[in-house]
Amino acid sequence: MSVRTMNENQPKAAITVSKMCSLLSISRSQFYWHVKKGTFHEPHRLSNGRPYFNASQVEDNLKAREMGIGVNGEYVLFYERDNETPKQSAPSKFKLKPDYTELMDGLSALGLTGLTTSAVADAVDHCYPKGTAGQDENDVLRTVFRFLKRSGSV
C-alpha cells in the first residue's frame, strides 16, 4: 500500500487570505481593494469570523489575475513586478562623509600629529581614487602614512 502525498498542483479545500495574496503576488491591501471593486471573490467566513477561500474561489481568482478579466467580467490591468533585478536608487544629493577616526588614530599612533580630517580625506582620495572598499585597513594606513610623509603636509 503506498502513501499518497499531496502535491502543490492539487488545490486545498480552503486557504487563508494571506495564502491567496501570496498566490496572486499582491499585497493584502491591494487584494482587498480589488475585492471591493469586484475583481476577486470576497472571502467566506468561518463560524469564528476568520476569512477563507474555497477551491473554486481560488481557481476563479487565479484565472482573473492571469487573464486580466475580473470575476465581475470587467477588464483589469495588474502591475508586473520585476523581482529579479532590484531598482537602483537615484543618486543622493548628499554624500555621506566617510569616518576617518580610526585611520587618524592609527596615523597619530605612528607619530603624525596635527592631522585634520580634510588632509586625511584628501590623502585617501589621492591614494585610493576608487575608494577603500575591499582594501585591508593596514594597507590603507601604511599607504596614507607614506603619502602624508612624502608630501610634507604634516
Protein backbone atom coordinates (compact mmCIF):
# COMPACT_ATOMS: atom_id res chain seq x y z
CA MET A 1 0.00 0.00 0.00
CA SER A 2 1.50 3.33 -0.99
CA VAL A 3 1.15 6.55 0.91
CA ARG A 4 -0.37 9.31 -1.16
CA THR A 5 1.31 12.69 -0.87
CA MET A 6 -0.39 15.96 -1.64
CA ASN A 7 1.44 17.82 -4.37
CA GLU A 8 1.29 21.54 -4.96
CA ASN A 9 -0.93 21.23 -8.05
CA GLN A 10 -3.85 19.86 -6.05
CA PRO A 11 -5.87 22.73 -4.56
CA LYS A 12 -6.66 22.63 -0.88
CA ALA A 13 -10.26 22.69 0.26
CA ALA A 14 -9.77 26.10 1.87
CA ILE A 15 -6.97 28.65 2.09
CA THR A 16 -6.40 31.85 4.04
CA VAL A 17 -6.39 35.40 2.71
CA SER A 18 -2.61 35.55 3.21
CA LYS A 19 -2.11 32.45 1.08
CA MET A 20 -4.47 33.84 -1.57
CA CYS A 21 -2.47 37.09 -1.71
CA SER A 22 0.73 35.09 -1.96
CA LEU A 23 -0.63 33.05 -4.87
CA LEU A 24 -1.75 36.25 -6.62
CA SER A 25 1.55 38.02 -5.85
CA ILE A 26 -0.16 41.11 -4.47
CA SER A 27 -0.36 42.74 -1.05
CA ARG A 28 -3.34 42.31 1.26
CA SER A 29 -4.34 45.94 0.90
CA GLN A 30 -4.22 45.70 -2.89
CA PHE A 31 -6.17 42.44 -2.72
CA TYR A 32 -8.94 43.94 -0.59
CA TRP A 33 -9.11 46.92 -2.93
CA HIS A 34 -9.70 44.50 -5.82
CA VAL A 35 -12.30 42.60 -3.76
CA LYS A 36 -14.14 45.88 -3.17
CA LYS A 37 -14.03 46.64 -6.93
CA GLY A 38 -15.29 43.13 -7.76
CA THR A 39 -12.13 41.87 -9.44
CA PHE A 40 -11.75 38.98 -6.96
CA HIS A 41 -14.25 36.98 -4.91
CA GLU A 42 -15.00 38.11 -1.40
CA PRO A 43 -13.87 35.50 1.13
CA HIS A 44 -16.30 33.26 3.01
CA ARG A 45 -16.19 33.39 6.80
CA LEU A 46 -15.78 30.55 9.29
CA SER A 47 -18.01 30.43 12.38
CA ASN A 48 -15.29 32.27 14.30
CA GLY A 49 -15.22 35.02 11.64
CA ARG A 50 -11.94 34.07 10.01
CA PRO A 51 -11.96 34.64 6.23
CA TYR A 52 -11.16 31.78 3.84
CA PHE A 53 -11.47 30.84 0.18
CA ASN A 54 -12.73 27.53 -1.14
CA ALA A 55 -11.09 25.76 -4.08
CA SER A 56 -13.43 27.18 -6.75
CA GLN A 57 -12.89 30.75 -5.49
CA VAL A 58 -9.12 30.20 -5.57
CA GLU A 59 -9.33 28.94 -9.13
CA ASP A 60 -11.52 31.88 -10.22
CA ASN A 61 -9.25 34.45 -8.55
CA LEU A 62 -6.12 32.97 -10.11
CA LYS A 63 -7.82 32.88 -13.51
CA ALA A 64 -8.85 36.53 -13.10
CA ARG A 65 -5.25 37.52 -12.31
CA GLU A 66 -3.87 35.51 -15.22
CA MET A 67 -6.45 36.52 -17.83
CA GLY A 68 -6.90 40.16 -16.79
CA ILE A 69 -10.67 39.79 -16.55
CA GLY A 70 -12.13 40.03 -13.06
CA VAL A 71 -14.76 37.68 -11.67
CA ASN A 72 -17.22 40.53 -12.33
CA GLY A 73 -16.37 40.40 -16.05
CA GLU A 74 -14.53 43.73 -16.18
CA TYR A 75 -11.04 44.13 -17.61
CA VAL A 76 -8.30 44.76 -15.09
CA LEU A 77 -4.61 45.57 -15.52
CA PHE A 78 -2.05 44.47 -12.95
CA TYR A 79 1.36 45.98 -12.40
CA GLU A 80 4.01 43.32 -13.01
CA ARG A 81 6.92 43.50 -10.61
CA ASP A 82 10.41 42.54 -11.73
CA ASN A 83 11.70 40.58 -8.74
CA GLU A 84 14.97 39.58 -10.39
CA THR A 85 16.65 42.96 -10.73
CA PRO A 86 16.40 45.39 -7.83
CA LYS A 87 16.00 49.00 -8.85
CA GLN A 88 18.95 51.30 -8.47
CA SER A 89 18.14 54.14 -6.15
CA ALA A 90 18.51 57.62 -7.51
CA PRO A 91 21.83 59.23 -6.68
CA SER A 92 21.60 61.15 -3.47
CA LYS A 93 22.15 64.88 -3.44
CA PHE A 94 24.11 64.50 -0.24
CA LYS A 95 27.06 62.16 0.04
CA LEU A 96 27.91 60.76 3.42
CA LYS A 97 31.34 61.74 4.56
CA PRO A 98 33.47 58.74 5.44
CA ASP A 99 34.54 58.38 9.03
CA TYR A 100 38.33 58.61 9.23
CA THR A 101 38.51 58.46 13.04
CA GLU A 102 40.22 55.06 13.17
CA LEU A 103 42.61 56.00 10.38
CA MET A 104 43.52 59.26 12.13
CA ASP A 105 44.08 57.38 15.39
CA GLY A 106 46.40 54.95 13.58
CA LEU A 107 48.32 57.81 11.93
CA SER A 108 48.77 59.63 15.23
CA ALA A 109 49.97 56.36 16.81
CA LEU A 110 52.62 56.27 14.07
CA GLY A 111 53.80 59.73 15.09
CA LEU A 112 51.86 62.06 12.79
CA THR A 113 50.43 64.98 14.72
CA GLY A 114 48.31 67.95 13.76
CA LEU A 115 46.19 65.99 11.32
CA THR A 116 42.95 67.39 10.01
CA THR A 117 40.09 65.37 8.65
CA SER A 118 40.28 67.19 5.33
CA ALA A 119 44.01 66.42 4.97
CA VAL A 120 43.40 62.73 5.65
CA ALA A 121 40.40 62.71 3.29
CA ASP A 122 42.49 64.31 0.52
CA ALA A 123 45.26 61.75 1.07
CA VAL A 124 42.81 58.85 0.91
CA ASP A 125 41.19 60.29 -2.23
CA HIS A 126 44.62 60.67 -3.85
CA CYS A 127 45.84 57.19 -2.92
CA TYR A 128 42.50 55.40 -3.50
CA PRO A 129 40.51 57.24 -6.19
CA LYS A 130 38.00 54.37 -6.40
CA GLY A 131 37.58 54.19 -2.62
CA THR A 132 38.93 51.93 0.07
CA ALA A 133 36.18 49.31 -0.11
CA GLY A 134 37.73 45.86 -0.05
CA GLN A 135 41.16 47.16 0.99
CA ASP A 136 42.96 45.92 4.07
CA GLU A 137 42.93 48.52 6.86
CA ASN A 138 46.65 48.08 7.48
CA ASP A 139 47.45 48.67 3.80
CA VAL A 140 45.33 51.83 3.78
CA LEU A 141 47.05 53.08 6.94
CA ARG A 142 50.53 52.38 5.53
CA THR A 143 49.75 53.95 2.13
CA VAL A 144 48.20 57.10 3.59
CA PHE A 145 51.05 57.42 6.14
CA ARG A 146 53.65 57.24 3.36
CA PHE A 147 51.75 59.72 1.20
CA LEU A 148 51.46 62.24 4.04
CA LYS A 149 55.13 61.87 4.99
CA ARG A 150 56.32 62.28 1.38
CA SER A 151 54.07 65.23 0.66
CA GLY A 152 55.37 67.02 3.76
CA SER A 153 51.87 68.18 4.71
CA VAL A 154 52.47 67.10 8.34
